[in-house]
Amino acid sequence: MLKRRVTKRTSTSPRSILARNRKSSFSKTFDLETSPRKINGRTKSALPKNSRQTSKYSRYALLPPSTEPFEKSCFERDPLLPGYAFVPKGDVYITRHCRSKTKESQQMFYVVYDNAGKRSLGLRVPSDIYAEVLNSAAATAELRANAVRLRDRRDIARARQHLCLQFPLMPVESLEMILDHAFLKGSGRVGRTSMKSDERKAILAVEAHIRHLHTPYEALLDAGMTRQQAREAVWDTVQAIKAGWEGGESQPMHSLTLRMHSLALPSVG
């Protein structure tokens, strides 16, 4: 049986011809830019490294939209405008005042993002405003540091008050350890969170202190228990000691001692 030879017909309409020409032109350009070439016997990319990275990000990266007046977004790779300076992130006083003073002068400032458009790196503001803010920051540094120290002392005093009111029978050494640990500034621990009430922070800080220093919690972890398993194992002991510090009814101390000894040598299967 003879097989028919099927010939693919190419459309000759003007639109089809234009589409084929565009596709062919794009393929040739892409091959010239990205195909490797040999130089001194070594194969190298046709594009330098920086150009390849820029090409990678420029096709797909999108800048977060700006909604504030006198504010625009830009990439790190975008040229710095004449008369502007880059202000790196990190110092809240400097970035906040650079932003506000630029707005007050009704000049544009730019939020600078990395070339992927995902992470902000700082601002671009007029150079004279940046210099003015730097001078102001230097002149007020000691005053602002004193204000921070005063605020920190107030925070610690408030935490101490809540701990003493909620746990009047807590040993003094435990109180100081909790304040130095759970309420340490910059620690990221429970005492520094702004998502919980002062009363709740005090309870969680005390429970954590008891769990780590007054129960075999650490030994259970070393023996192979997961954190959740170890927490559950010492839960009753933590609550009993906490109730005693609150001044409520608690188990006799010899009962707690026996329970802690029974937890000290766990059987982890």
C-alpha atoms as a PDB file:
ATOM      1  CA  MET A   1       0.000   0.000   0.000  1.00  0.00           C
ATOM      2  CA  LEU A   2       1.452   3.327  -1.051  1.00  0.00           C
ATOM      3  CA  LYS A   3       1.799   5.984   1.616  1.00  0.00           C
ATOM      4  CA  ARG A   4       0.871   9.511   0.789  1.00  0.00           C
ATOM      5  CA  ARG A   5       3.547  12.060   1.349  1.00  0.00           C
ATOM      6  CA  VAL A   6       2.149  14.833   3.528  1.00  0.00           C
ATOM      7  CA  THR A   7       3.640  18.227   2.892  1.00  0.00           C
ATOM      8  CA  LYS A   8       3.191  20.847   5.592  1.00  0.00           C
ATOM      9  CA  ARG A   9       1.818  23.993   4.074  1.00  0.00           C
ATOM     10  CA  THR A  10       3.166  27.286   5.261  1.00  0.00           C
ATOM     11  CA  SER A  11       0.726  30.105   5.505  1.00  0.00           C
ATOM     12  CA  THR A  12       1.526  33.032   3.265  1.00  0.00           C
ATOM     13  CA  SER A  13      -0.689  35.567   4.954  1.00  0.00           C
ATOM     14  CA  PRO A  14       1.041  38.852   5.937  1.00  0.00           C
ATOM     15  CA  ARG A  15       0.379  38.217   9.646  1.00  0.00           C
ATOM     16  CA  SER A  16       1.964  34.731   9.527  1.00  0.00           C
ATOM     17  CA  ILE A  17       5.016  36.000   7.653  1.00  0.00           C
ATOM     18  CA  LEU A  18       5.509  38.796  10.202  1.00  0.00           C
ATOM     19  CA  ALA A  19       5.239  36.340  13.129  1.00  0.00           C
ATOM     20  CA  ARG A  20       7.837  33.983  11.570  1.00  0.00           C
ATOM     21  CA  ASN A  21      10.249  36.858  10.980  1.00  0.00           C
ATOM     22  CA  ARG A  22       9.935  38.024  14.590  1.00  0.00           C
ATOM     23  CA  LYS A  23      10.569  34.503  15.922  1.00  0.00           C
ATOM     24  CA  SER A  24      13.612  34.063  13.685  1.00  0.00           C
ATOM     25  CA  SER A  25      15.031  37.459  14.678  1.00  0.00           C
ATOM     26  CA  PHE A  26      14.576  36.729  18.415  1.00  0.00           C
ATOM     27  CA  SER A  27      16.265  33.309  18.107  1.00  0.00           C
ATOM     28  CA  LYS A  28      19.303  34.757  16.351  1.00  0.00           C
ATOM     29  CA  THR A  29      19.679  37.559  18.899  1.00  0.00           C
ATOM     30  CA  PHE A  30      19.323  35.151  21.843  1.00  0.00           C
ATOM     31  CA  ASP A  31      21.940  32.778  20.364  1.00  0.00           C
ATOM     32  CA  LEU A  32      24.419  35.607  19.807  1.00  0.00           C
ATOM     33  CA  GLU A  33      24.028  36.917  23.361  1.00  0.00           C
ATOM     34  CA  THR A  34      23.997  33.650  25.309  1.00  0.00           C
ATOM     35  CA  SER A  35      25.798  30.989  23.272  1.00  0.00           C
ATOM     36  CA  PRO A  36      29.296  30.188  24.575  1.00  0.00           C
ATOM     37  CA  ARG A  37      32.355  30.946  22.493  1.00  0.00           C
ATOM     38  CA  LYS A  38      35.938  29.742  22.577  1.00  0.00           C
ATOM     39  CA  ILE A  39      38.671  32.168  23.636  1.00  0.00           C
ATOM     40  CA  ASN A  40      42.257  30.848  23.801  1.00  0.00           C
ATOM     41  CA  GLY A  41      40.916  27.313  23.760  1.00  0.00           C
ATOM     42  CA  ARG A  42      38.502  27.914  26.658  1.00  0.00           C
ATOM     43  CA  THR A  43      34.739  28.091  26.379  1.00  0.00           C
ATOM     44  CA  LYS A  44      33.312  31.330  27.781  1.00  0.00           C
ATOM     45  CA  SER A  45      29.898  32.913  27.806  1.00  0.00           C
ATOM     46  CA  ALA A  46      29.288  35.693  25.342  1.00  0.00           C
ATOM     47  CA  LEU A  47      27.993  37.900  28.173  1.00  0.00           C
ATOM     48  CA  PRO A  48      30.057  39.118  31.127  1.00  0.00           C
ATOM     49  CA  LYS A  49      28.944  37.920  34.571  1.00  0.00           C
ATOM     50  CA  ASN A  50      27.372  41.239  35.640  1.00  0.00           C
ATOM     51  CA  SER A  51      25.455  41.514  32.382  1.00  0.00           C
ATOM     52  CA  ARG A  52      24.090  37.992  32.771  1.00  0.00           C
ATOM     53  CA  GLN A  53      22.876  38.774  36.301  1.00  0.00           C
ATOM     54  CA  THR A  54      21.278  42.021  35.172  1.00  0.00           C
ATOM     55  CA  SER A  55      19.605  40.244  32.260  1.00  0.00           C
ATOM     56  CA  LYS A  56      18.310  37.575  34.625  1.00  0.00           C
ATOM     57  CA  TYR A  57      16.653  40.083  36.953  1.00  0.00           C
ATOM     58  CA  SER A  58      15.539  42.672  34.397  1.00  0.00           C
ATOM     59  CA  ARG A  59      13.189  40.248  32.645  1.00  0.00           C
ATOM     60  CA  TYR A  60      11.248  39.064  35.667  1.00  0.00           C
ATOM     61  CA  ALA A  61      11.841  41.403  38.642  1.00  0.00           C
ATOM     62  CA  LEU A  62       9.016  43.731  39.583  1.00  0.00           C
ATOM     63  CA  LEU A  63       9.312  46.660  41.956  1.00  0.00           C
ATOM     64  CA  PRO A  64       6.799  46.970  44.807  1.00  0.00           C
ATOM     65  CA  PRO A  65       4.405  49.808  43.983  1.00  0.00           C
ATOM     66  CA  SER A  66       4.839  53.138  45.763  1.00  0.00           C
ATOM     67  CA  THR A  67       1.708  54.687  47.243  1.00  0.00           C
ATOM     68  CA  GLU A  68       3.187  57.575  49.248  1.00  0.00           C
ATOM     69  CA  PRO A  69       3.502  61.052  47.771  1.00  0.00           C
ATOM     70  CA  PHE A  70       7.018  62.029  46.627  1.00  0.00           C
ATOM     71  CA  GLU A  71       8.086  58.373  46.811  1.00  0.00           C
ATOM     72  CA  LYS A  72       9.265  56.070  44.052  1.00  0.00           C
ATOM     73  CA  SER A  73      10.924  52.673  43.955  1.00  0.00           C
ATOM     74  CA  CYS A  74      14.083  51.823  42.068  1.00  0.00           C
ATOM     75  CA  PHE A  75      16.528  48.955  41.621  1.00  0.00           C
ATOM     76  CA  GLU A  76      20.008  48.959  43.082  1.00  0.00           C
ATOM     77  CA  ARG A  77      21.411  48.870  39.551  1.00  0.00           C
ATOM     78  CA  ASP A  78      19.571  52.034  38.470  1.00  0.00           C
ATOM     79  CA  PRO A  79      21.899  55.045  38.076  1.00  0.00           C
ATOM     80  CA  LEU A  80      22.070  57.445  41.016  1.00  0.00           C
ATOM     81  CA  LEU A  81      20.570  60.797  40.101  1.00  0.00           C
ATOM     82  CA  PRO A  82      22.832  63.878  40.294  1.00  0.00           C
ATOM     83  CA  GLY A  83      22.535  65.590  43.669  1.00  0.00           C
ATOM     84  CA  TYR A  84      21.272  62.442  45.414  1.00  0.00           C
ATOM     85  CA  ALA A  85      22.951  60.194  47.991  1.00  0.00           C
ATOM     86  CA  PHE A  86      22.311  56.617  49.079  1.00  0.00           C
ATOM     87  CA  VAL A  87      21.149  56.135  52.694  1.00  0.00           C
ATOM     88  CA  PRO A  88      21.611  52.505  53.841  1.00  0.00           C
ATOM     89  CA  LYS A  89      19.113  50.816  56.123  1.00  0.00           C
ATOM     90  CA  GLY A  90      19.989  50.312  59.754  1.00  0.00           C
ATOM     91  CA  ASP A  91      19.693  53.628  61.590  1.00  0.00           C
ATOM     92  CA  VAL A  92      15.999  54.328  62.154  1.00  0.00           C
ATOM     93  CA  TYR A  93      16.575  57.947  63.171  1.00  0.00           C
ATOM     94  CA  ILE A  94      18.497  58.757  59.980  1.00  0.00           C
ATOM     95  CA  THR A  95      16.202  56.969  57.524  1.00  0.00           C
ATOM     96  CA  ARG A  96      13.022  58.314  59.152  1.00  0.00           C
ATOM     97  CA  HIS A  97      14.247  61.924  59.128  1.00  0.00           C
ATOM     98  CA  CYS A  98      15.670  61.669  55.603  1.00  0.00           C
ATOM     99  CA  ARG A  99      12.280  60.478  54.426  1.00  0.00           C
ATOM    100  CA  SER A 100      10.247  63.112  56.293  1.00  0.00           C
ATOM    101  CA  LYS A 101      12.510  66.066  55.418  1.00  0.00           C
ATOM    102  CA  THR A 102      12.563  65.134  51.734  1.00  0.00           C
ATOM    103  CA  LYS A 103       8.765  65.056  51.734  1.00  0.00           C
ATOM    104  CA  GLU A 104       8.598  68.405  53.527  1.00  0.00           C
ATOM    105  CA  SER A 105      10.808  69.919  50.810  1.00  0.00           C
ATOM    106  CA  GLN A 106       8.460  68.408  48.195  1.00  0.00           C
ATOM    107  CA  GLN A 107      11.317  66.565  46.534  1.00  0.00           C
ATOM    108  CA  MET A 108      11.257  62.982  45.359  1.00  0.00           C
ATOM    109  CA  PHE A 109      12.964  60.225  47.325  1.00  0.00           C
ATOM    110  CA  TYR A 110      13.551  56.656  46.168  1.00  0.00           C
ATOM    111  CA  VAL A 111      13.234  53.353  48.009  1.00  0.00           C
ATOM    112  CA  VAL A 112      16.105  51.191  46.743  1.00  0.00           C
ATOM    113  CA  TYR A 113      15.533  47.444  46.243  1.00  0.00           C
ATOM    114  CA  ASP A 114      17.979  44.701  45.324  1.00  0.00           C
ATOM    115  CA  ASN A 115      18.039  43.637  41.702  1.00  0.00           C
ATOM    116  CA  ALA A 116      15.508  40.882  42.419  1.00  0.00           C
ATOM    117  CA  GLY A 117      13.042  43.465  43.748  1.00  0.00           C
ATOM    118  CA  LYS A 118      12.519  41.514  46.969  1.00  0.00           C
ATOM    119  CA  ARG A 119      14.603  43.260  49.640  1.00  0.00           C
ATOM    120  CA  SER A 120      14.820  46.971  50.408  1.00  0.00           C
ATOM    121  CA  LEU A 121      18.371  48.246  50.867  1.00  0.00           C
ATOM    122  CA  GLY A 122      17.827  51.876  51.793  1.00  0.00           C
ATOM    123  CA  LEU A 123      16.850  55.240  50.355  1.00  0.00           C
ATOM    124  CA  ARG A 124      18.079  57.743  47.811  1.00  0.00           C
ATOM    125  CA  VAL A 125      17.521  61.293  48.998  1.00  0.00           C
ATOM    126  CA  PRO A 126      18.930  64.731  48.130  1.00  0.00           C
ATOM    127  CA  SER A 127      22.535  64.984  49.306  1.00  0.00           C
ATOM    128  CA  ASP A 128      22.016  68.218  51.245  1.00  0.00           C
ATOM    129  CA  ILE A 129      19.145  66.681  53.241  1.00  0.00           C
ATOM    130  CA  TYR A 130      21.248  63.591  54.019  1.00  0.00           C
ATOM    131  CA  ALA A 131      24.106  65.800  55.277  1.00  0.00           C
ATOM    132  CA  GLU A 132      21.686  67.815  57.429  1.00  0.00           C
ATOM    133  CA  VAL A 133      20.234  64.652  58.991  1.00  0.00           C
ATOM    134  CA  LEU A 134      23.718  63.250  59.690  1.00  0.00           C
ATOM    135  CA  ASN A 135      24.669  66.428  61.548  1.00  0.00           C
ATOM    136  CA  SER A 136      21.418  66.303  63.522  1.00  0.00           C
ATOM    137  CA  ALA A 137      22.001  62.648  64.409  1.00  0.00           C
ATOM    138  CA  ALA A 138      25.478  63.401  65.721  1.00  0.00           C
ATOM    139  CA  ALA A 139      24.267  66.392  67.741  1.00  0.00           C
ATOM    140  CA  THR A 140      21.414  64.492  69.395  1.00  0.00           C
ATOM    141  CA  ALA A 141      23.143  61.113  69.843  1.00  0.00           C
ATOM    142  CA  GLU A 142      23.772  61.439  73.588  1.00  0.00           C
ATOM    143  CA  LEU A 143      20.312  62.832  74.274  1.00  0.00           C
ATOM    144  CA  ARG A 144      18.670  59.991  72.369  1.00  0.00           C
ATOM    145  CA  ALA A 145      20.860  57.389  74.102  1.00  0.00           C
ATOM    146  CA  ASN A 146      19.787  58.738  77.504  1.00  0.00           C
ATOM    147  CA  ALA A 147      16.148  58.555  76.444  1.00  0.00           C
ATOM    148  CA  VAL A 148      16.601  54.931  75.373  1.00  0.00           C
ATOM    149  CA  ARG A 149      18.239  54.036  78.689  1.00  0.00           C
ATOM    150  CA  LEU A 150      15.389  55.702  80.582  1.00  0.00           C
ATOM    151  CA  ARG A 151      12.806  53.810  78.534  1.00  0.00           C
ATOM    152  CA  ASP A 152      14.649  50.524  79.116  1.00  0.00           C
ATOM    153  CA  ARG A 153      14.691  51.128  82.876  1.00  0.00           C
ATOM    154  CA  ARG A 154      10.957  51.824  82.821  1.00  0.00           C
ATOM    155  CA  ASP A 155      10.337  48.594  80.895  1.00  0.00           C
ATOM    156  CA  ILE A 156      12.355  46.534  83.387  1.00  0.00           C
ATOM    157  CA  ALA A 157      10.628  48.219  86.337  1.00  0.00           C
ATOM    158  CA  ARG A 158       7.221  47.426  84.862  1.00  0.00           C
ATOM    159  CA  ALA A 159       8.233  43.801  84.247  1.00  0.00           C
ATOM    160  CA  ARG A 160       9.557  43.512  87.809  1.00  0.00           C
ATOM    161  CA  GLN A 161       6.281  44.899  89.167  1.00  0.00           C
ATOM    162  CA  HIS A 162       4.174  42.389  87.227  1.00  0.00           C
ATOM    163  CA  LEU A 163       6.386  39.475  88.258  1.00  0.00           C
ATOM    164  CA  CYS A 164       6.283  40.455  91.943  1.00  0.00           C
ATOM    165  CA  LEU A 165       2.515  40.954  91.900  1.00  0.00           C
ATOM    166  CA  GLN A 166       1.780  37.670  90.136  1.00  0.00           C
ATOM    167  CA  PHE A 167       4.454  35.588  91.886  1.00  0.00           C
ATOM    168  CA  PRO A 168       5.025  37.112  95.327  1.00  0.00           C
ATOM    169  CA  LEU A 169       6.729  33.973  96.702  1.00  0.00           C
ATOM    170  CA  MET A 170       9.199  33.603  93.849  1.00  0.00           C
ATOM    171  CA  PRO A 171      12.821  33.502  95.073  1.00  0.00           C
ATOM    172  CA  VAL A 172      14.741  36.732  94.507  1.00  0.00           C
ATOM    173  CA  GLU A 173      17.490  34.985  92.537  1.00  0.00           C
ATOM    174  CA  SER A 174      14.881  33.539  90.161  1.00  0.00           C
ATOM    175  CA  LEU A 175      13.315  36.980  89.729  1.00  0.00           C
ATOM    176  CA  GLU A 176      16.651  38.519  88.730  1.00  0.00           C
ATOM    177  CA  MET A 177      17.482  35.655  86.371  1.00  0.00           C
ATOM    178  CA  ILE A 178      14.132  35.985  84.611  1.00  0.00           C
ATOM    179  CA  LEU A 179      14.558  39.738  84.202  1.00  0.00           C
ATOM    180  CA  ASP A 180      18.100  39.321  82.853  1.00  0.00           C
ATOM    181  CA  HIS A 181      17.118  36.525  80.459  1.00  0.00           C
ATOM    182  CA  ALA A 182      13.506  36.681  79.281  1.00  0.00           C
ATOM    183  CA  PHE A 183      13.298  40.493  79.368  1.00  0.00           C
ATOM    184  CA  LEU A 184      16.740  41.215  77.910  1.00  0.00           C
ATOM    185  CA  LYS A 185      16.523  43.888  75.239  1.00  0.00           C
ATOM    186  CA  GLY A 186      17.282  42.609  71.746  1.00  0.00           C
ATOM    187  CA  SER A 187      17.026  38.962  72.805  1.00  0.00           C
ATOM    188  CA  GLY A 188      13.793  38.305  70.924  1.00  0.00           C
ATOM    189  CA  ARG A 189      12.558  36.306  73.905  1.00  0.00           C
ATOM    190  CA  VAL A 190       9.052  36.227  75.296  1.00  0.00           C
ATOM    191  CA  GLY A 191       9.559  39.169  77.652  1.00  0.00           C
ATOM    192  CA  ARG A 192      10.314  41.519  74.743  1.00  0.00           C
ATOM    193  CA  THR A 193       7.373  40.666  72.508  1.00  0.00           C
ATOM    194  CA  SER A 194       4.731  43.295  71.888  1.00  0.00           C
ATOM    195  CA  MET A 195       2.153  40.691  70.839  1.00  0.00           C
ATOM    196  CA  LYS A 196       1.222  39.619  74.384  1.00  0.00           C
ATOM    197  CA  SER A 197       0.010  41.377  77.511  1.00  0.00           C
ATOM    198  CA  ASP A 198       2.385  42.081  80.397  1.00  0.00           C
ATOM    199  CA  GLU A 199       0.574  39.506  82.529  1.00  0.00           C
ATOM    200  CA  ARG A 200       0.889  36.816  79.860  1.00  0.00           C
ATOM    201  CA  LYS A 201       4.563  37.606  79.262  1.00  0.00           C
ATOM    202  CA  ALA A 202       5.251  37.227  83.001  1.00  0.00           C
ATOM    203  CA  ILE A 203       3.543  33.818  83.101  1.00  0.00           C
ATOM    204  CA  LEU A 204       5.379  32.487  80.053  1.00  0.00           C
ATOM    205  CA  ALA A 205       8.737  33.800  81.291  1.00  0.00           C
ATOM    206  CA  VAL A 206       8.276  32.144  84.690  1.00  0.00           C
ATOM    207  CA  GLU A 207       7.188  28.852  83.148  1.00  0.00           C
ATOM    208  CA  ALA A 208      10.229  28.835  80.858  1.00  0.00           C
ATOM    209  CA  HIS A 209      12.545  29.573  83.798  1.00  0.00           C
ATOM    210  CA  ILE A 210      11.059  26.774  85.897  1.00  0.00           C
ATOM    211  CA  ARG A 211      11.122  24.329  82.998  1.00  0.00           C
ATOM    212  CA  HIS A 212      14.816  24.871  82.262  1.00  0.00           C
ATOM    213  CA  LEU A 213      16.227  25.285  85.774  1.00  0.00           C
ATOM    214  CA  HIS A 214      13.862  23.467  88.131  1.00  0.00           C
ATOM    215  CA  THR A 215      12.938  20.332  86.155  1.00  0.00           C
ATOM    216  CA  PRO A 216      14.904  17.644  84.258  1.00  0.00           C
ATOM    217  CA  TYR A 217      13.727  19.180  80.954  1.00  0.00           C
ATOM    218  CA  GLU A 218      17.274  19.543  79.550  1.00  0.00           C
ATOM    219  CA  ALA A 219      18.147  15.977  80.575  1.00  0.00           C
ATOM    220  CA  LEU A 220      15.054  14.680  78.783  1.00  0.00           C
ATOM    221  CA  LEU A 221      16.139  16.443  75.601  1.00  0.00           C
ATOM    222  CA  ASP A 222      19.633  14.995  75.928  1.00  0.00           C
ATOM    223  CA  ALA A 223      18.081  11.555  76.350  1.00  0.00           C
ATOM    224  CA  GLY A 224      16.368  11.833  72.970  1.00  0.00           C
ATOM    225  CA  MET A 225      12.936  13.261  73.687  1.00  0.00           C
ATOM    226  CA  THR A 226      11.498  15.876  71.376  1.00  0.00           C
ATOM    227  CA  ARG A 227      10.791  19.321  72.813  1.00  0.00           C
ATOM    228  CA  GLN A 228       7.071  18.628  72.832  1.00  0.00           C
ATOM    229  CA  GLN A 229       7.521  15.308  74.624  1.00  0.00           C
ATOM    230  CA  ALA A 230       9.827  16.868  77.212  1.00  0.00           C
ATOM    231  CA  ARG A 231       7.451  19.777  77.794  1.00  0.00           C
ATOM    232  CA  GLU A 232       4.572  17.416  78.377  1.00  0.00           C
ATOM    233  CA  ALA A 233       6.659  15.275  80.727  1.00  0.00           C
ATOM    234  CA  VAL A 234       7.537  18.202  83.028  1.00  0.00           C
ATOM    235  CA  TRP A 235       4.254  20.107  82.669  1.00  0.00           C
ATOM    236  CA  ASP A 236       2.784  19.060  86.025  1.00  0.00           C
ATOM    237  CA  THR A 237       6.000  19.923  87.854  1.00  0.00           C
ATOM    238  CA  VAL A 238       6.184  23.356  86.210  1.00  0.00           C
ATOM    239  CA  GLN A 239       2.592  24.137  87.136  1.00  0.00           C
ATOM    240  CA  ALA A 240       3.064  22.953  90.723  1.00  0.00           C
ATOM    241  CA  ILE A 241       6.141  25.140  91.293  1.00  0.00           C
ATOM    242  CA  LYS A 242       4.455  28.105  89.603  1.00  0.00           C
ATOM    243  CA  ALA A 243       1.404  27.708  91.863  1.00  0.00           C
ATOM    244  CA  GLY A 244       3.691  27.745  94.881  1.00  0.00           C
ATOM    245  CA  TRP A 245       5.321  30.976  93.720  1.00  0.00           C
ATOM    246  CA  GLU A 246       1.870  32.463  93.171  1.00  0.00           C
ATOM    247  CA  GLY A 247       0.995  31.672  96.789  1.00  0.00           C
ATOM    248  CA  GLY A 248      -1.688  29.154  95.890  1.00  0.00           C
ATOM    249  CA  GLU A 249      -2.011  25.516  96.828  1.00  0.00           C
ATOM    250  CA  SER A 250       0.779  23.310  95.559  1.00  0.00           C
ATOM    251  CA  GLN A 251       2.111  19.832  96.080  1.00  0.00           C
ATOM    252  CA  PRO A 252       4.397  19.286  99.079  1.00  0.00           C
ATOM    253  CA  MET A 253       8.070  19.693  98.217  1.00  0.00           C
ATOM    254  CA  HIS A 254       8.886  16.035  98.895  1.00  0.00           C
ATOM    255  CA  SER A 255       6.241  15.029  96.294  1.00  0.00           C
ATOM    256  CA  LEU A 256       7.824  17.339  93.721  1.00  0.00           C
ATOM    257  CA  THR A 257      11.264  15.951  94.515  1.00  0.00           C
ATOM    258  CA  LEU A 258      10.074  12.382  93.994  1.00  0.00           C
ATOM    259  CA  ARG A 259       8.421  13.306  90.685  1.00  0.00           C
ATOM    260  CA  MET A 260      11.545  15.078  89.417  1.00  0.00           C
ATOM    261  CA  HIS A 261      13.665  12.038  90.292  1.00  0.00           C
ATOM    262  CA  SER A 262      11.246   9.814  88.374  1.00  0.00           C
ATOM    263  CA  LEU A 263      11.655  12.044  85.313  1.00  0.00           C
ATOM    264  CA  ALA A 264      15.418  12.297  85.562  1.00  0.00           C
ATOM    265  CA  LEU A 265      16.041   8.853  84.036  1.00  0.00           C
ATOM    266  CA  PRO A 266      13.442   8.553  81.247  1.00  0.00           C
ATOM    267  CA  SER A 267      12.887   5.505  79.144  1.00  0.00           C
ATOM    268  CA  VAL A 268      12.932   6.757  75.570  1.00  0.00           C
ATOM    269  CA  GLY A 269      11.945   4.090  73.102  1.00  0.00           C
END
